[in-house]
C-alpha atoms as a PDB file:
ATOM      1  CA  UNK A   1     103.736  90.758  95.725  1.00  0.00           C
ATOM      2  CA  UNK A   2     102.250  87.322  96.955  1.00  0.00           C
ATOM      3  CA  UNK A   3     100.497  84.973  94.454  1.00  0.00           C
ATOM      4  CA  UNK A   4      98.486  82.003  95.704  1.00  0.00           C
ATOM      5  CA  UNK A   5      98.833  79.305  93.524  1.00  0.00           C
ATOM      6  CA  UNK A   6      99.975  75.871  93.963  1.00  0.00           C
ATOM      7  CA  UNK A   7     100.255  75.807  98.173  1.00  0.00           C
ATOM      8  CA  UNK A   8      97.497  78.669  98.564  1.00  0.00           C
ATOM      9  CA  UNK A   9      98.099  77.886 102.412  1.00  0.00           C
ATOM     10  CA  UNK A  10     101.646  78.624 102.250  1.00  0.00           C
ATOM     11  CA  UNK A  11     101.217  81.934 100.631  1.00  0.00           C
ATOM     12  CA  UNK A  12      98.467  82.835 103.175  1.00  0.00           C
ATOM     13  CA  UNK A  13     100.138  82.203 106.116  1.00  0.00           C
ATOM     14  CA  UNK A  14     103.038  83.861 104.803  1.00  0.00           C
ATOM     15  CA  UNK A  15     100.803  86.741 103.698  1.00  0.00           C
ATOM     16  CA  UNK A  16      99.109  87.065 107.193  1.00  0.00           C
ATOM     17  CA  UNK A  17     102.208  86.837 108.801  1.00  0.00           C
ATOM     18  CA  UNK A  18     103.814  89.960 106.954  1.00  0.00           C
ATOM     19  CA  UNK A  19     100.536  92.134 107.453  1.00  0.00           C
ATOM     20  CA  UNK A  20     100.394  91.515 110.814  1.00  0.00           C
ATOM     21  CA  UNK A  21     104.056  92.680 111.180  1.00  0.00           C
ATOM     22  CA  UNK A  22     102.697  95.496 109.303  1.00  0.00           C
ATOM     23  CA  UNK A  23     103.473  95.860 105.965  1.00  0.00           C
ATOM     24  CA  UNK A  24     101.887  96.915 103.190  1.00  0.00           C
ATOM     25  CA  UNK A  25     101.180  93.246 100.786  1.00  0.00           C
ATOM     26  CA  UNK A  26     100.205  93.259  97.221  1.00  0.00           C
ATOM     27  CA  UNK A  27      98.717  89.788  97.046  1.00  0.00           C
ATOM     28  CA  UNK A  28      97.752  88.512  93.519  1.00  0.00           C
ATOM     29  CA  UNK A  29      95.315  85.853  92.669  1.00  0.00           C
ATOM     30  CA  UNK A  30      93.772  84.977  90.389  1.00  0.00           C
ATOM     31  CA  UNK A  31      90.246  85.233  91.823  1.00  0.00           C
ATOM     32  CA  UNK A  32      91.042  88.602  94.166  1.00  0.00           C
ATOM     33  CA  UNK A  33      87.503  87.858  95.621  1.00  0.00           C
ATOM     34  CA  UNK A  34      89.293  84.698  97.086  1.00  0.00           C
ATOM     35  CA  UNK A  35      91.789  87.448  99.805  1.00  0.00           C
ATOM     36  CA  UNK A  36      88.279  88.717 100.807  1.00  0.00           C
ATOM     37  CA  UNK A  37      88.864  87.836 104.158  1.00  0.00           C
ATOM     38  CA  UNK A  38      92.362  89.174 103.927  1.00  0.00           C
ATOM     39  CA  UNK A  39      91.199  92.621 102.848  1.00  0.00           C
ATOM     40  CA  UNK A  40      88.321  92.321 105.770  1.00  0.00           C
ATOM     41  CA  UNK A  41      90.607  91.948 108.340  1.00  0.00           C
ATOM     42  CA  UNK A  42      93.156  94.642 107.299  1.00  0.00           C
ATOM     43  CA  UNK A  43      91.981  96.984 104.790  1.00  0.00           C
ATOM     44  CA  UNK A  44      94.327  99.290 103.890  1.00  0.00           C
ATOM     45  CA  UNK A  45      98.025  97.151 104.301  1.00  0.00           C
ATOM     46  CA  UNK A  46      96.666  94.855 101.558  1.00  0.00           C
ATOM     47  CA  UNK A  47      96.042  95.521  98.374  1.00  0.00           C
ATOM     48  CA  UNK A  48      94.452  92.379  95.486  1.00  0.00           C
ATOM     49  CA  UNK A  49      95.153  92.199  92.546  1.00  0.00           C
ATOM     50  CA  UNK A  50      93.933  89.724  89.880  1.00  0.00           C
ATOM     51  CA  UNK A  51      97.026  87.929  87.867  1.00  0.00           C
ATOM     52  CA  UNK A  52      97.421  85.050  86.006  1.00  0.00           C
ATOM     53  CA  UNK A  53     101.363  84.323  85.803  1.00  0.00           C
ATOM     54  CA  UNK A  54     100.802  82.969  83.105  1.00  0.00           C
ATOM     55  CA  UNK A  55     100.193  86.208  80.819  1.00  0.00           C
ATOM     56  CA  UNK A  56     103.138  87.800  80.655  1.00  0.00           C
ATOM     57  CA  UNK A  57     101.669  91.154  79.791  1.00  0.00           C
ATOM     58  CA  UNK A  58      99.275  90.698  82.455  1.00  0.00           C
ATOM     59  CA  UNK A  59     102.535  90.047  84.948  1.00  0.00           C
ATOM     60  CA  UNK A  60     103.845  93.400  84.303  1.00  0.00           C
ATOM     61  CA  UNK A  61     100.231  95.110  84.632  1.00  0.00           C
ATOM     62  CA  UNK A  62     100.352  93.996  87.534  1.00  0.00           C
ATOM     63  CA  UNK A  63     103.749  95.062  88.786  1.00  0.00           C
ATOM     64  CA  UNK A  64     103.340  98.915  86.762  1.00  0.00           C
ATOM     65  CA  UNK A  65      99.402  99.046  88.699  1.00  0.00           C
ATOM     66  CA  UNK A  66     101.165  98.517  92.157  1.00  0.00           C
ATOM     67  CA  UNK A  67     104.591 101.071  91.648  1.00  0.00           C
ATOM     68  CA  UNK A  68     101.739 103.364  90.601  1.00  0.00           C
ATOM     69  CA  UNK A  69     100.200 102.784  93.477  1.00  0.00           C
ATOM     70  CA  UNK A  70     102.912 102.576  96.656  1.00  0.00           C
ATOM     71  CA  UNK A  71     105.710 104.672  94.171  1.00  0.00           C
ATOM     72  CA  UNK A  72     107.973 101.208  94.732  1.00  0.00           C
ATOM     73  CA  UNK A  73     108.421  97.693  95.752  1.00  0.00           C
ATOM     74  CA  UNK A  74     110.165  96.177  97.844  1.00  0.00           C
ATOM     75  CA  UNK A  75     112.557  93.678  95.961  1.00  0.00           C
ATOM     76  CA  UNK A  76     113.517  91.714  98.823  1.00  0.00           C
ATOM     77  CA  UNK A  77     109.965  91.067 100.007  1.00  0.00           C
ATOM     78  CA  UNK A  78     109.109  89.651  96.805  1.00  0.00           C
ATOM     79  CA  UNK A  79     107.323  86.047  96.772  1.00  0.00           C
ATOM     80  CA  UNK A  80     107.560  83.942  94.230  1.00  0.00           C
END
């Protein structure tokens, strides 16, 4: 999961690097519409989720949704 916050340029660059490598990325943002360009380019390898990390129940829900969709999460690659 990648969450865009204080330094969106850095997170976007990391996300794009992972996608170019062939990884599947669950990208979270307060406004997932901000990820539209990545979704258009990488289609089925990026899954955008709305998330406000200050809302603990929303964080739990996002993790559960990601696990439900992909079966598991690669904990070594969760950023932030």
